[in-house]
PDB file of N, CA and C in Angstrom:
ATOM      1  N   MET A   1     -24.964-111.159 -93.486  1.00  0.00           N
ATOM      2  CA  MET A   1     -24.267-110.027 -92.923  1.00  0.00           C
ATOM      3  C   MET A   1     -22.821-110.094 -93.378  1.00  0.00           C
ATOM      4  N   SER A   2     -22.352-108.968 -93.859  1.00  0.00           N
ATOM      5  CA  SER A   2     -20.969-108.938 -94.319  1.00  0.00           C
ATOM      6  C   SER A   2     -20.027-108.837 -93.125  1.00  0.00           C
ATOM      7  N   ARG A   3     -18.797-109.171 -93.383  1.00  0.00           N
ATOM      8  CA  ARG A   3     -17.771-109.112 -92.333  1.00  0.00           C
ATOM      9  C   ARG A   3     -17.609-107.686 -91.816  1.00  0.00           C
ATOM     10  N   GLU A   4     -17.698-106.733 -92.703  1.00  0.00           N
ATOM     11  CA  GLU A   4     -17.546-105.328 -92.328  1.00  0.00           C
ATOM     12  C   GLU A   4     -18.651-104.883 -91.358  1.00  0.00           C
ATOM     13  N   VAL A   5     -19.882-105.271 -91.648  1.00  0.00           N
ATOM     14  CA  VAL A   5     -21.017-104.924 -90.780  1.00  0.00           C
ATOM     15  C   VAL A   5     -20.856-105.609 -89.427  1.00  0.00           C
ATOM     16  N   ALA A   6     -20.454-106.868 -89.432  1.00  0.00           N
ATOM     17  CA  ALA A   6     -20.259-107.594 -88.183  1.00  0.00           C
ATOM     18  C   ALA A   6     -19.165-106.944 -87.338  1.00  0.00           C
ATOM     19  N   GLU A   7     -18.086-106.513 -87.983  1.00  0.00           N
ATOM     20  CA  GLU A   7     -17.006-105.859 -87.244  1.00  0.00           C
ATOM     21  C   GLU A   7     -17.458-104.529 -86.655  1.00  0.00           C
ATOM     22  N   LEU A   8     -18.276-103.782 -87.391  1.00  0.00           N
ATOM     23  CA  LEU A   8     -18.805-102.518 -86.875  1.00  0.00           C
ATOM     24  C   LEU A   8     -19.719-102.745 -85.676  1.00  0.00           C
ATOM     25  N   ARG A   9     -20.574-103.756 -85.764  1.00  0.00           N
ATOM     26  CA  ARG A   9     -21.462-104.068 -84.641  1.00  0.00           C
ATOM     27  C   ARG A   9     -20.653-104.529 -83.429  1.00  0.00           C
ATOM     28  N   HIS A  10     -19.661-105.339 -83.673  1.00  0.00           N
ATOM     29  CA  HIS A  10     -18.799-105.809 -82.579  1.00  0.00           C
ATOM     30  C   HIS A  10     -18.092-104.627 -81.913  1.00  0.00           C
ATOM     31  N   ALA A  11     -17.572-103.717 -82.710  1.00  0.00           N
ATOM     32  CA  ALA A  11     -16.892-102.534 -82.170  1.00  0.00           C
ATOM     33  C   ALA A  11     -17.855-101.688 -81.333  1.00  0.00           C
ATOM     34  N   ALA A  12     -19.105-101.584 -81.770  1.00  0.00           N
ATOM     35  CA  ALA A  12     -20.100-100.815 -81.017  1.00  0.00           C
ATOM     36  C   ALA A  12     -20.398-101.483 -79.674  1.00  0.00           C
ATOM     37  N   VAL A  13     -20.498-102.797 -79.664  1.00  0.00           N
ATOM     38  CA  VAL A  13     -20.750-103.527 -78.418  1.00  0.00           C
ATOM     39  C   VAL A  13     -19.561-103.391 -77.480  1.00  0.00           C
ATOM     40  N   VAL A  14     -18.368-103.517 -77.994  1.00  0.00           N
ATOM     41  CA  VAL A  14     -17.162-103.360 -77.167  1.00  0.00           C
ATOM     42  C   VAL A  14     -17.090-101.953 -76.591  1.00  0.00           C
ATOM     43  N   ALA A  15     -17.413-100.947 -77.384  1.00  0.00           N
ATOM     44  CA  ALA A  15     -17.400 -99.561 -76.899  1.00  0.00           C
ATOM     45  C   ALA A  15     -18.426 -99.376 -75.781  1.00  0.00           C
ATOM     46  N   GLU A  16     -19.600 -99.952 -75.945  1.00  0.00           N
ATOM     47  CA  GLU A  16     -20.636 -99.847 -74.906  1.00  0.00           C
ATOM     48  C   GLU A  16     -20.185-100.559 -73.625  1.00  0.00           C
ATOM     49  N   LEU A  17     -19.592-101.721 -73.765  1.00  0.00           N
ATOM     50  CA  LEU A  17     -19.081-102.440 -72.591  1.00  0.00           C
ATOM     51  C   LEU A  17     -17.989-101.646 -71.890  1.00  0.00           C
ATOM     52  N   ASN A  18     -17.109-101.038 -72.655  1.00  0.00           N
ATOM     53  CA  ASN A  18     -16.042-100.231 -72.058  1.00  0.00           C
ATOM     54  C   ASN A  18     -16.599 -99.033 -71.292  1.00  0.00           C
ATOM     55  N   GLU A  19     -17.656 -98.423 -71.825  1.00  0.00           N
ATOM     56  CA  GLU A  19     -18.292 -97.314 -71.120  1.00  0.00           C
ATOM     57  C   GLU A  19     -18.882 -97.791 -69.798  1.00  0.00           C
ATOM     58  N   GLU A  20     -19.528 -98.943 -69.805  1.00  0.00           N
ATOM     59  CA  GLU A  20     -20.111 -99.497 -68.581  1.00  0.00           C
ATOM     60  C   GLU A  20     -19.026 -99.879 -67.583  1.00  0.00           C
ATOM     61  N   ARG A  21     -17.926-100.449 -68.068  1.00  0.00           N
ATOM     62  CA  ARG A  21     -16.814-100.791 -67.182  1.00  0.00           C
ATOM     63  C   ARG A  21     -16.269 -99.543 -66.495  1.00  0.00           C
ATOM     64  N   ALA A  22     -16.072 -98.495 -67.274  1.00  0.00           N
ATOM     65  CA  ALA A  22     -15.553 -97.249 -66.717  1.00  0.00           C
ATOM     66  C   ALA A  22     -16.537 -96.654 -65.715  1.00  0.00           C
ATOM     67  N   ALA A  23     -17.813 -96.699 -66.005  1.00  0.00           N
ATOM     68  CA  ALA A  23     -18.821 -96.161 -65.089  1.00  0.00           C
ATOM     69  C   ALA A  23     -18.848 -96.954 -63.786  1.00  0.00           C
ATOM     70  N   THR A  24     -18.755 -98.259 -63.880  1.00  0.00           N
ATOM     71  CA  THR A  24     -18.750 -99.112 -62.691  1.00  0.00           C
ATOM     72  C   THR A  24     -17.542 -98.829 -61.820  1.00  0.00           C
ATOM     73  N   LEU A  25     -16.371 -98.754 -62.422  1.00  0.00           N
ATOM     74  CA  LEU A  25     -15.162 -98.464 -61.653  1.00  0.00           C
ATOM     75  C   LEU A  25     -15.209 -97.045 -61.080  1.00  0.00           C
ATOM     76  N   GLY A  26     -15.808 -96.124 -61.809  1.00  0.00           N
ATOM     77  CA  GLY A  26     -15.953 -94.760 -61.310  1.00  0.00           C
ATOM     78  C   GLY A  26     -16.851 -94.687 -60.087  1.00  0.00           C
ATOM     79  N   ARG A  27     -17.952 -95.443 -60.098  1.00  0.00           N
ATOM     80  CA  ARG A  27     -18.836 -95.475 -58.925  1.00  0.00           C
ATOM     81  C   ARG A  27     -18.102 -96.041 -57.718  1.00  0.00           C
ATOM     82  N   ALA A  28     -17.346 -97.093 -57.918  1.00  0.00           N
ATOM     83  CA  ALA A  28     -16.578 -97.679 -56.814  1.00  0.00           C
ATOM     84  C   ALA A  28     -15.564 -96.668 -56.287  1.00  0.00           C
ATOM     85  N   ASP A  29     -14.919 -95.939 -57.181  1.00  0.00           N
ATOM     86  CA  ASP A  29     -13.955 -94.916 -56.767  1.00  0.00           C
ATOM     87  C   ASP A  29     -14.614 -93.871 -55.888  1.00  0.00           C
ATOM     88  N   ARG A  30     -15.766 -93.373 -56.299  1.00  0.00           N
ATOM     89  CA  ARG A  30     -16.445 -92.342 -55.512  1.00  0.00           C
ATOM     90  C   ARG A  30     -16.854 -92.861 -54.137  1.00  0.00           C
ATOM     91  N   ARG A  31     -17.325 -94.099 -54.077  1.00  0.00           N
ATOM     92  CA  ARG A  31     -17.749 -94.668 -52.792  1.00  0.00           C
ATOM     93  C   ARG A  31     -16.567 -94.890 -51.857  1.00  0.00           C
ATOM     94  N   ILE A  32     -15.484 -95.429 -52.388  1.00  0.00           N
ATOM     95  CA  ILE A  32     -14.289 -95.647 -51.568  1.00  0.00           C
ATOM     96  C   ILE A  32     -13.736 -94.310 -51.086  1.00  0.00           C
ATOM     97  N   SER A  33     -13.651 -93.355 -51.985  1.00  0.00           N
ATOM     98  CA  SER A  33     -13.097 -92.043 -51.623  1.00  0.00           C
ATOM     99  C   SER A  33     -13.932 -91.367 -50.540  1.00  0.00           C
ATOM    100  N   ALA A  34     -15.253 -91.453 -50.647  1.00  0.00           N
ATOM    101  CA  ALA A  34     -16.125 -90.832 -49.645  1.00  0.00           C
ATOM    102  C   ALA A  34     -15.960 -91.505 -48.286  1.00  0.00           C
ATOM    103  N   ALA A  35     -15.913 -92.838 -48.275  1.00  0.00           N
ATOM    104  CA  ALA A  35     -15.742 -93.557 -47.012  1.00  0.00           C
ATOM    105  C   ALA A  35     -14.381 -93.258 -46.405  1.00  0.00           C
ATOM    106  N   ARG A  36     -13.359 -93.195 -47.238  1.00  0.00           N
ATOM    107  CA  ARG A  36     -12.014 -92.888 -46.736  1.00  0.00           C
ATOM    108  C   ARG A  36     -11.966 -91.477 -46.147  1.00  0.00           C
ATOM    109  N   LYS A  37     -12.600 -90.521 -46.827  1.00  0.00           N
ATOM    110  CA  LYS A  37     -12.620 -89.145 -46.330  1.00  0.00           C
ATOM    111  C   LYS A  37     -13.300 -89.085 -44.959  1.00  0.00           C
ATOM    112  N   ARG A  38     -14.460 -89.759 -44.827  1.00  0.00           N
ATOM    113  CA  ARG A  38     -15.141 -89.786 -43.532  1.00  0.00           C
ATOM    114  C   ARG A  38     -14.275 -90.442 -42.467  1.00  0.00           C
ATOM    115  N   GLY A  39     -13.589 -91.517 -42.845  1.00  0.00           N
ATOM    116  CA  GLY A  39     -12.716 -92.204 -41.908  1.00  0.00           C
ATOM    117  C   GLY A  39     -11.560 -91.333 -41.454  1.00  0.00           C
ATOM    118  N   LEU A  40     -10.949 -90.629 -42.380  1.00  0.00           N
ATOM    119  CA  LEU A  40      -9.829 -89.749 -42.022  1.00  0.00           C
ATOM    120  C   LEU A  40     -10.297 -88.581 -41.145  1.00  0.00           C
ATOM    121  N   GLN A  41     -11.496 -88.063 -41.428  1.00  0.00           N
ATOM    122  CA  GLN A  41     -12.038 -86.996 -40.585  1.00  0.00           C
ATOM    123  C   GLN A  41     -12.292 -87.510 -39.169  1.00  0.00           C
ATOM    124  N   ALA A  42     -12.871 -88.700 -39.066  1.00  0.00           N
ATOM    125  CA  ALA A  42     -13.127 -89.279 -37.746  1.00  0.00           C
ATOM    126  C   ALA A  42     -11.817 -89.588 -37.035  1.00  0.00           C
ATOM    127  N   LEU A  43     -10.823 -90.048 -37.779  1.00  0.00           N
ATOM    128  CA  LEU A  43      -9.519 -90.341 -37.191  1.00  0.00           C
ATOM    129  C   LEU A  43      -8.892 -89.070 -36.613  1.00  0.00           C
ATOM    130  N   ALA A  44      -9.015 -87.965 -37.335  1.00  0.00           N
ATOM    131  CA  ALA A  44      -8.489 -86.691 -36.837  1.00  0.00           C
ATOM    132  C   ALA A  44      -9.213 -86.273 -35.560  1.00  0.00           C
ATOM    133  N   GLN A  45     -10.515 -86.509 -35.523  1.00  0.00           N
ATOM    134  CA  GLN A  45     -11.277 -86.182 -34.317  1.00  0.00           C
ATOM    135  C   GLN A  45     -10.890 -87.092 -33.157  1.00  0.00           C
ATOM    136  N   LEU A  46     -10.650 -88.360 -33.465  1.00  0.00           N
ATOM    137  CA  LEU A  46     -10.188 -89.292 -32.424  1.00  0.00           C
ATOM    138  C   LEU A  46      -8.868 -88.819 -31.843  1.00  0.00           C
ATOM    139  N   ASP A  47      -7.954 -88.438 -32.727  1.00  0.00           N
ATOM    140  CA  ASP A  47      -6.645 -87.975 -32.281  1.00  0.00           C
ATOM    141  C   ASP A  47      -6.762 -86.687 -31.451  1.00  0.00           C
ATOM    142  N   ALA A  48      -7.831 -85.924 -31.678  1.00  0.00           N
ATOM    143  CA  ALA A  48      -8.050 -84.694 -30.922  1.00  0.00           C
ATOM    144  C   ALA A  48      -8.784 -84.965 -29.611  1.00  0.00           C
ATOM    145  N   GLY A  49      -9.105 -86.234 -29.358  1.00  0.00           N
ATOM    146  CA  GLY A  49      -9.730 -86.588 -28.093  1.00  0.00           C
ATOM    147  C   GLY A  49     -11.246 -86.676 -28.127  1.00  0.00           C
ATOM    148  N   HIS A  50     -11.857 -86.574 -29.292  1.00  0.00           N
ATOM    149  CA  HIS A  50     -13.311 -86.657 -29.393  1.00  0.00           C
ATOM    150  C   HIS A  50     -13.742 -88.123 -29.400  1.00  0.00           C
ATOM    151  N   ASP A  51     -14.971 -88.377 -28.962  1.00  0.00           N
ATOM    152  CA  ASP A  51     -15.491 -89.740 -28.893  1.00  0.00           C
ATOM    153  C   ASP A  51     -16.253 -90.069 -30.174  1.00  0.00           C
ATOM    154  N   VAL A  52     -15.524 -90.417 -31.224  1.00  0.00           N
ATOM    155  CA  VAL A  52     -16.133 -90.737 -32.520  1.00  0.00           C
ATOM    156  C   VAL A  52     -15.691 -92.109 -33.010  1.00  0.00           C
ATOM    157  N   LEU A  53     -15.348 -92.980 -32.072  1.00  0.00           N
ATOM    158  CA  LEU A  53     -14.824 -94.293 -32.447  1.00  0.00           C
ATOM    159  C   LEU A  53     -15.826 -95.091 -33.288  1.00  0.00           C
ATOM    160  N   ALA A  54     -17.093 -95.047 -32.911  1.00  0.00           N
ATOM    161  CA  ALA A  54     -18.106 -95.795 -33.673  1.00  0.00           C
ATOM    162  C   ALA A  54     -18.207 -95.271 -35.104  1.00  0.00           C
ATOM    163  N   ALA A  55     -18.174 -93.951 -35.272  1.00  0.00           N
ATOM    164  CA  ALA A  55     -18.238 -93.366 -36.620  1.00  0.00           C
ATOM    165  C   ALA A  55     -17.010 -93.765 -37.432  1.00  0.00           C
ATOM    166  N   TYR A  56     -15.860 -93.771 -36.789  1.00  0.00           N
ATOM    167  CA  TYR A  56     -14.627 -94.161 -37.475  1.00  0.00           C
ATOM    168  C   TYR A  56     -14.703 -95.616 -37.923  1.00  0.00           C
ATOM    169  N   ARG A  57     -15.127 -96.472 -37.015  1.00  0.00           N
ATOM    170  CA  ARG A  57     -15.203 -97.898 -37.364  1.00  0.00           C
ATOM    171  C   ARG A  57     -16.212 -98.148 -38.473  1.00  0.00           C
ATOM    172  N   ALA A  58     -17.314 -97.420 -38.477  1.00  0.00           N
ATOM    173  CA  ALA A  58     -18.314 -97.567 -39.544  1.00  0.00           C
ATOM    174  C   ALA A  58     -17.737 -97.116 -40.887  1.00  0.00           C
ATOM    175  N   ALA A  59     -17.031 -95.994 -40.894  1.00  0.00           N
ATOM    176  CA  ALA A  59     -16.421 -95.507 -42.139  1.00  0.00           C
ATOM    177  C   ALA A  59     -15.359 -96.478 -42.625  1.00  0.00           C
ATOM    178  N   ARG A  60     -14.575 -97.024 -41.706  1.00  0.00           N
ATOM    179  CA  ARG A  60     -13.533 -97.991 -42.074  1.00  0.00           C
ATOM    180  C   ARG A  60     -14.149 -99.255 -42.661  1.00  0.00           C
ATOM    181  N   ALA A  61     -15.218 -99.747 -42.035  1.00  0.00           N
ATOM    182  CA  ALA A  61     -15.898-100.945 -42.538  1.00  0.00           C
ATOM    183  C   ALA A  61     -16.487-100.704 -43.926  1.00  0.00           C
ATOM    184  N   GLU A  62     -17.064 -99.512 -44.118  1.00  0.00           N
ATOM    185  CA  GLU A  62     -17.623 -99.179 -45.436  1.00  0.00           C
ATOM    186  C   GLU A  62     -16.520 -99.108 -46.483  1.00  0.00           C
ATOM    187  N   MET A  63     -15.414 -98.491 -46.134  1.00  0.00           N
ATOM    188  CA  MET A  63     -14.303 -98.404 -47.075  1.00  0.00           C
ATOM    189  C   MET A  63     -13.779 -99.797 -47.424  1.00  0.00           C
ATOM    190  N   ASP A  64     -13.621-100.647 -46.421  1.00  0.00           N
ATOM    191  CA  ASP A  64     -13.169-102.021 -46.676  1.00  0.00           C
ATOM    192  C   ASP A  64     -14.129-102.746 -47.611  1.00  0.00           C
ATOM    193  N   HIS A  65     -15.429-102.543 -47.392  1.00  0.00           N
ATOM    194  CA  HIS A  65     -16.431-103.182 -48.256  1.00  0.00           C
ATOM    195  C   HIS A  65     -16.266-102.726 -49.700  1.00  0.00           C
ATOM    196  N   TRP A  66     -16.154-101.404 -49.923  1.00  0.00           N
ATOM    197  CA  TRP A  66     -16.060-100.893 -51.292  1.00  0.00           C
ATOM    198  C   TRP A  66     -14.725-101.241 -51.939  1.00  0.00           C
ATOM    199  N   ARG A  67     -13.662-101.358 -51.144  1.00  0.00           N
ATOM    200  CA  ARG A  67     -12.390-101.846 -51.699  1.00  0.00           C
ATOM    201  C   ARG A  67     -12.563-103.285 -52.192  1.00  0.00           C
ATOM    202  N   TRP A  68     -13.286-104.091 -51.415  1.00  0.00           N
ATOM    203  CA  TRP A  68     -13.559-105.482 -51.814  1.00  0.00           C
ATOM    204  C   TRP A  68     -14.388-105.498 -53.098  1.00  0.00           C
ATOM    205  N   VAL A  69     -15.433-104.655 -53.163  1.00  0.00           N
ATOM    206  CA  VAL A  69     -16.273-104.589 -54.369  1.00  0.00           C
ATOM    207  C   VAL A  69     -15.421-104.211 -55.578  1.00  0.00           C
ATOM    208  N   LEU A  70     -14.566-103.215 -55.420  1.00  0.00           N
ATOM    209  CA  LEU A  70     -13.693-102.799 -56.524  1.00  0.00           C
ATOM    210  C   LEU A  70     -12.793-103.950 -56.964  1.00  0.00           C
ATOM    211  N   THR A  71     -12.250-104.682 -56.018  1.00  0.00           N
ATOM    212  CA  THR A  71     -11.381-105.813 -56.346  1.00  0.00           C
ATOM    213  C   THR A  71     -12.155-106.885 -57.120  1.00  0.00           C
ATOM    214  N   VAL A  72     -13.371-107.178 -56.693  1.00  0.00           N
ATOM    215  CA  VAL A  72     -14.201-108.171 -57.397  1.00  0.00           C
ATOM    216  C   VAL A  72     -14.508-107.690 -58.814  1.00  0.00           C
ATOM    217  N   GLN A  73     -14.848-106.405 -58.951  1.00  0.00           N
ATOM    218  CA  GLN A  73     -15.139-105.860 -60.276  1.00  0.00           C
ATOM    219  C   GLN A  73     -13.909-105.939 -61.179  1.00  0.00           C
ATOM    220  N   ARG A  74     -12.753-105.609 -60.620  1.00  0.00           N
ATOM    221  CA  ARG A  74     -11.520-105.684 -61.413  1.00  0.00           C
ATOM    222  C   ARG A  74     -11.239-107.128 -61.837  1.00  0.00           C
ATOM    223  N   GLU A  75     -11.437-108.072 -60.912  1.00  0.00           N
ATOM    224  CA  GLU A  75     -11.235-109.484 -61.260  1.00  0.00           C
ATOM    225  C   GLU A  75     -12.176-109.894 -62.391  1.00  0.00           C
ATOM    226  N   ALA A  76     -13.427-109.438 -62.321  1.00  0.00           N
ATOM    227  CA  ALA A  76     -14.407-109.775 -63.359  1.00  0.00           C
ATOM    228  C   ALA A  76     -14.002-109.211 -64.714  1.00  0.00           C
ATOM    229  N   LEU A  77     -13.267-108.099 -64.698  1.00  0.00           N
ATOM    230  CA  LEU A  77     -12.806-107.497 -65.948  1.00  0.00           C
ATOM    231  C   LEU A  77     -11.478-108.095 -66.415  1.00  0.00           C
ATOM    232  N   GLY A  78     -10.931-109.021 -65.620  1.00  0.00           N
ATOM    233  CA  GLY A  78      -9.664-109.643 -65.994  1.00  0.00           C
ATOM    234  C   GLY A  78      -8.447-108.895 -65.484  1.00  0.00           C
ATOM    235  N   LEU A  79      -8.652-107.926 -64.595  1.00  0.00           N
ATOM    236  CA  LEU A  79      -7.547-107.164 -64.024  1.00  0.00           C
ATOM    237  C   LEU A  79      -7.194-107.787 -62.668  1.00  0.00           C
ATOM    238  N   CYS A  80      -6.097-108.492 -62.636  1.00  0.00           N
ATOM    239  CA  CYS A  80      -5.781-109.288 -61.447  1.00  0.00           C
ATOM    240  C   CYS A  80      -4.692-108.686 -60.561  1.00  0.00           C
ATOM    241  N   ASP A  81      -4.041-107.644 -60.996  1.00  0.00           N
ATOM    242  CA  ASP A  81      -3.004-107.000 -60.187  1.00  0.00           C
ATOM    243  C   ASP A  81      -3.655-105.830 -59.458  1.00  0.00           C
ATOM    244  N   HIS A  82      -3.816-105.952 -58.155  1.00  0.00           N
ATOM    245  CA  HIS A  82      -4.549-104.959 -57.380  1.00  0.00           C
ATOM    246  C   HIS A  82      -3.638-104.074 -56.543  1.00  0.00           C
ATOM    247  N   ARG A  83      -2.359-104.054 -56.857  1.00  0.00           N
ATOM    248  CA  ARG A  83      -1.447-103.224 -56.064  1.00  0.00           C
ATOM    249  C   ARG A  83      -1.821-101.754 -56.107  1.00  0.00           C
ATOM    250  N   TRP A  84      -2.295-101.276 -57.252  1.00  0.00           N
ATOM    251  CA  TRP A  84      -2.646 -99.863 -57.360  1.00  0.00           C
ATOM    252  C   TRP A  84      -3.822 -99.520 -56.458  1.00  0.00           C
ATOM    253  N   VAL A  85      -4.699-100.496 -56.164  1.00  0.00           N
ATOM    254  CA  VAL A  85      -5.820-100.244 -55.248  1.00  0.00           C
ATOM    255  C   VAL A  85      -5.265 -99.857 -53.876  1.00  0.00           C
ATOM    256  N   ASP A  86      -4.239-100.582 -53.431  1.00  0.00           N
ATOM    257  CA  ASP A  86      -3.621-100.267 -52.140  1.00  0.00           C
ATOM    258  C   ASP A  86      -2.894 -98.922 -52.166  1.00  0.00           C
ATOM    259  N   VAL A  87      -2.379 -98.552 -53.328  1.00  0.00           N
ATOM    260  CA  VAL A  87      -1.684 -97.271 -53.443  1.00  0.00           C
ATOM    261  C   VAL A  87      -2.695 -96.116 -53.413  1.00  0.00           C
ATOM    262  N   LEU A  88      -3.775 -96.245 -54.191  1.00  0.00           N
ATOM    263  CA  LEU A  88      -4.769 -95.180 -54.262  1.00  0.00           C
ATOM    264  C   LEU A  88      -5.682 -95.123 -53.043  1.00  0.00           C
ATOM    265  N   TYR A  89      -5.991 -96.286 -52.487  1.00  0.00           N
ATOM    266  CA  TYR A  89      -6.926 -96.371 -51.369  1.00  0.00           C
ATOM    267  C   TYR A  89      -6.316 -97.198 -50.234  1.00  0.00           C
ATOM    268  N   PRO A  90      -5.281 -96.692 -49.594  1.00  0.00           N
ATOM    269  CA  PRO A  90      -4.668 -97.479 -48.526  1.00  0.00           C
ATOM    270  C   PRO A  90      -5.674 -97.697 -47.393  1.00  0.00           C
ATOM    271  N   PRO A  91      -5.671 -98.885 -46.814  1.00  0.00           N
ATOM    272  CA  PRO A  91      -6.624 -99.163 -45.737  1.00  0.00           C
ATOM    273  C   PRO A  91      -6.413 -98.216 -44.562  1.00  0.00           C
ATOM    274  N   LEU A  92      -7.485 -97.877 -43.915  1.00  0.00           N
ATOM    275  CA  LEU A  92      -7.400 -97.059 -42.718  1.00  0.00           C
ATOM    276  C   LEU A  92      -6.901 -97.939 -41.570  1.00  0.00           C
ATOM    277  N   PRO A  93      -6.165 -97.371 -40.623  1.00  0.00           N
ATOM    278  CA  PRO A  93      -5.654 -98.177 -39.514  1.00  0.00           C
ATOM    279  C   PRO A  93      -6.795 -98.663 -38.615  1.00  0.00           C
ATOM    280  N   ARG A  94      -6.565 -99.793 -37.983  1.00  0.00           N
ATOM    281  CA  ARG A  94      -7.574-100.327 -37.036  1.00  0.00           C
ATOM    282  C   ARG A  94      -7.492 -99.536 -35.743  1.00  0.00           C
ATOM    283  N   ARG A  95      -8.645 -99.265 -35.186  1.00  0.00           N
ATOM    284  CA  ARG A  95      -8.718 -98.584 -33.882  1.00  0.00           C
ATOM    285  C   ARG A  95      -9.745 -99.267 -33.044  1.00  0.00           C
TER     286      ARG A  95
END
């Protein structure tokens, strides 16, 4: 195998890995965003006096789980600075 062919194959593998990395991070984004949205909706209902504490706590726990998953995935990709995770997906307050 020539060096040129090996470099082309390597580039194809790297491109495929990058696509999978992006897809994985995208799935985590959608899950975190959905849990956060449910949590914020429940929080608004709580503030309005509705009894939705269990729903809020479940949404908060789910969001915390997916934030953890995203952090683990980022670590696996070599991305160790997670400050942007807190900026994009700030934790919901405890209630």
